Amino acid sequence: MSPQQNPSRSAAKERIDVSYDYAVCAWARHFNVSEKRVKEAVAAVGDEAEKVREHLTRTGAGSGSGSGSRERPAA
């Protein structure tokens, strides 16, 4: 028998609770953005993690992180 996924867990939507600093910090690391950006995104689209991810993607999550400059050596 193959292991079954917990249907209640997979069907449940993940929520971001901005009232807990540790949760905001964890989500900020997950999305690779600042805690401020997570809070702004939750204020804009609500606390559903998938909607926050989509919002951050649309608004340029991770921009200014400097990762693009490390991909190519300077000429």
C-alpha atoms as a PDB file:
ATOM      1  CA  MET A   1       0.000   0.000   0.000  1.00  0.00           C
ATOM      2  CA  SER A   2       1.228   3.477  -0.807  1.00  0.00           C
ATOM      3  CA  PRO A   3       1.093   6.164   1.871  1.00  0.00           C
ATOM      4  CA  GLN A   4      -1.909   8.446   1.567  1.00  0.00           C
ATOM      5  CA  GLN A   5      -1.786  12.174   1.843  1.00  0.00           C
ATOM      6  CA  ASN A   6      -3.861  13.709   4.599  1.00  0.00           C
ATOM      7  CA  PRO A   7      -6.845  15.100   2.654  1.00  0.00           C
ATOM      8  CA  SER A   8      -7.709  17.697   5.279  1.00  0.00           C
ATOM      9  CA  ARG A   9      -4.155  19.056   5.187  1.00  0.00           C
ATOM     10  CA  SER A  10      -3.940  19.261   1.415  1.00  0.00           C
ATOM     11  CA  ALA A  11      -7.375  20.868   1.149  1.00  0.00           C
ATOM     12  CA  ALA A  12      -6.684  23.429   3.881  1.00  0.00           C
ATOM     13  CA  LYS A  13      -5.471  26.837   2.736  1.00  0.00           C
ATOM     14  CA  GLU A  14      -2.359  28.122   4.437  1.00  0.00           C
ATOM     15  CA  ARG A  15      -2.834  31.422   6.209  1.00  0.00           C
ATOM     16  CA  ILE A  16      -0.301  34.084   7.144  1.00  0.00           C
ATOM     17  CA  ASP A  17      -0.894  35.484  10.623  1.00  0.00           C
ATOM     18  CA  VAL A  18       0.821  38.871  10.748  1.00  0.00           C
ATOM     19  CA  SER A  19       0.093  39.229  14.456  1.00  0.00           C
ATOM     20  CA  TYR A  20       3.024  36.876  15.174  1.00  0.00           C
ATOM     21  CA  ASP A  21       6.468  38.251  14.308  1.00  0.00           C
ATOM     22  CA  TYR A  22       7.963  34.762  14.012  1.00  0.00           C
ATOM     23  CA  ALA A  23       5.322  33.788  11.433  1.00  0.00           C
ATOM     24  CA  VAL A  24       5.937  36.920   9.365  1.00  0.00           C
ATOM     25  CA  CYS A  25       9.679  36.231   9.523  1.00  0.00           C
ATOM     26  CA  ALA A  26       9.180  32.634   8.376  1.00  0.00           C
ATOM     27  CA  TRP A  27       6.956  33.657   5.462  1.00  0.00           C
ATOM     28  CA  ALA A  28       9.381  36.428   4.477  1.00  0.00           C
ATOM     29  CA  ARG A  29      12.160  33.851   4.248  1.00  0.00           C
ATOM     30  CA  HIS A  30       9.869  31.490   2.351  1.00  0.00           C
ATOM     31  CA  PHE A  31       9.029  34.150  -0.249  1.00  0.00           C
ATOM     32  CA  ASN A  32      12.543  35.673  -0.157  1.00  0.00           C
ATOM     33  CA  VAL A  33      11.219  39.154   0.613  1.00  0.00           C
ATOM     34  CA  SER A  34      11.294  41.500   3.582  1.00  0.00           C
ATOM     35  CA  GLU A  35       8.871  41.200   6.472  1.00  0.00           C
ATOM     36  CA  LYS A  36       7.495  44.596   5.461  1.00  0.00           C
ATOM     37  CA  ARG A  37       6.656  43.241   1.966  1.00  0.00           C
ATOM     38  CA  VAL A  38       4.819  40.263   3.524  1.00  0.00           C
ATOM     39  CA  LYS A  39       2.735  42.580   5.719  1.00  0.00           C
ATOM     40  CA  GLU A  40       1.985  44.887   2.779  1.00  0.00           C
ATOM     41  CA  ALA A  41       0.938  41.928   0.616  1.00  0.00           C
ATOM     42  CA  VAL A  42      -1.345  40.546   3.345  1.00  0.00           C
ATOM     43  CA  ALA A  43      -2.908  44.002   3.694  1.00  0.00           C
ATOM     44  CA  ALA A  44      -3.446  44.131  -0.080  1.00  0.00           C
ATOM     45  CA  VAL A  45      -4.813  40.634  -0.804  1.00  0.00           C
ATOM     46  CA  GLY A  46      -5.630  38.972   2.518  1.00  0.00           C
ATOM     47  CA  ASP A  47      -3.929  36.286   4.566  1.00  0.00           C
ATOM     48  CA  GLU A  48      -4.161  33.360   2.127  1.00  0.00           C
ATOM     49  CA  ALA A  49      -0.569  32.316   1.345  1.00  0.00           C
ATOM     50  CA  GLU A  50      -1.231  31.493  -2.309  1.00  0.00           C
ATOM     51  CA  LYS A  51      -2.759  34.930  -2.956  1.00  0.00           C
ATOM     52  CA  VAL A  52       0.154  36.591  -1.162  1.00  0.00           C
ATOM     53  CA  ARG A  53       2.615  34.613  -3.318  1.00  0.00           C
ATOM     54  CA  GLU A  54       0.798  35.680  -6.498  1.00  0.00           C
ATOM     55  CA  HIS A  55       0.745  39.305  -5.352  1.00  0.00           C
ATOM     56  CA  LEU A  56       4.459  39.284  -4.536  1.00  0.00           C
ATOM     57  CA  THR A  57       5.232  37.699  -7.906  1.00  0.00           C
ATOM     58  CA  ARG A  58       3.189  40.356  -9.740  1.00  0.00           C
ATOM     59  CA  THR A  59       4.811  43.203  -7.826  1.00  0.00           C
ATOM     60  CA  GLY A  60       8.377  41.948  -8.292  1.00  0.00           C
ATOM     61  CA  ALA A  61       9.209  39.860  -5.241  1.00  0.00           C
ATOM     62  CA  GLY A  62      12.900  39.680  -4.563  1.00  0.00           C
ATOM     63  CA  SER A  63      13.741  42.728  -6.657  1.00  0.00           C
ATOM     64  CA  GLY A  64      16.685  44.553  -5.231  1.00  0.00           C
ATOM     65  CA  SER A  65      18.084  41.391  -3.687  1.00  0.00           C
ATOM     66  CA  GLY A  66      21.183  41.616  -5.876  1.00  0.00           C
ATOM     67  CA  SER A  67      20.932  38.016  -7.042  1.00  0.00           C
ATOM     68  CA  GLY A  68      20.840  39.033 -10.704  1.00  0.00           C
ATOM     69  CA  SER A  69      24.223  40.735 -10.515  1.00  0.00           C
ATOM     70  CA  ARG A  70      25.864  37.526  -9.302  1.00  0.00           C
ATOM     71  CA  GLU A  71      24.701  35.506 -12.319  1.00  0.00           C
ATOM     72  CA  ARG A  72      27.074  37.187 -14.814  1.00  0.00           C
ATOM     73  CA  PRO A  73      30.678  38.173 -14.271  1.00  0.00           C
ATOM     74  CA  ALA A  74      31.509  41.812 -14.894  1.00  0.00           C
ATOM     75  CA  ALA A  75      33.188  42.476 -18.252  1.00  0.00           C
END
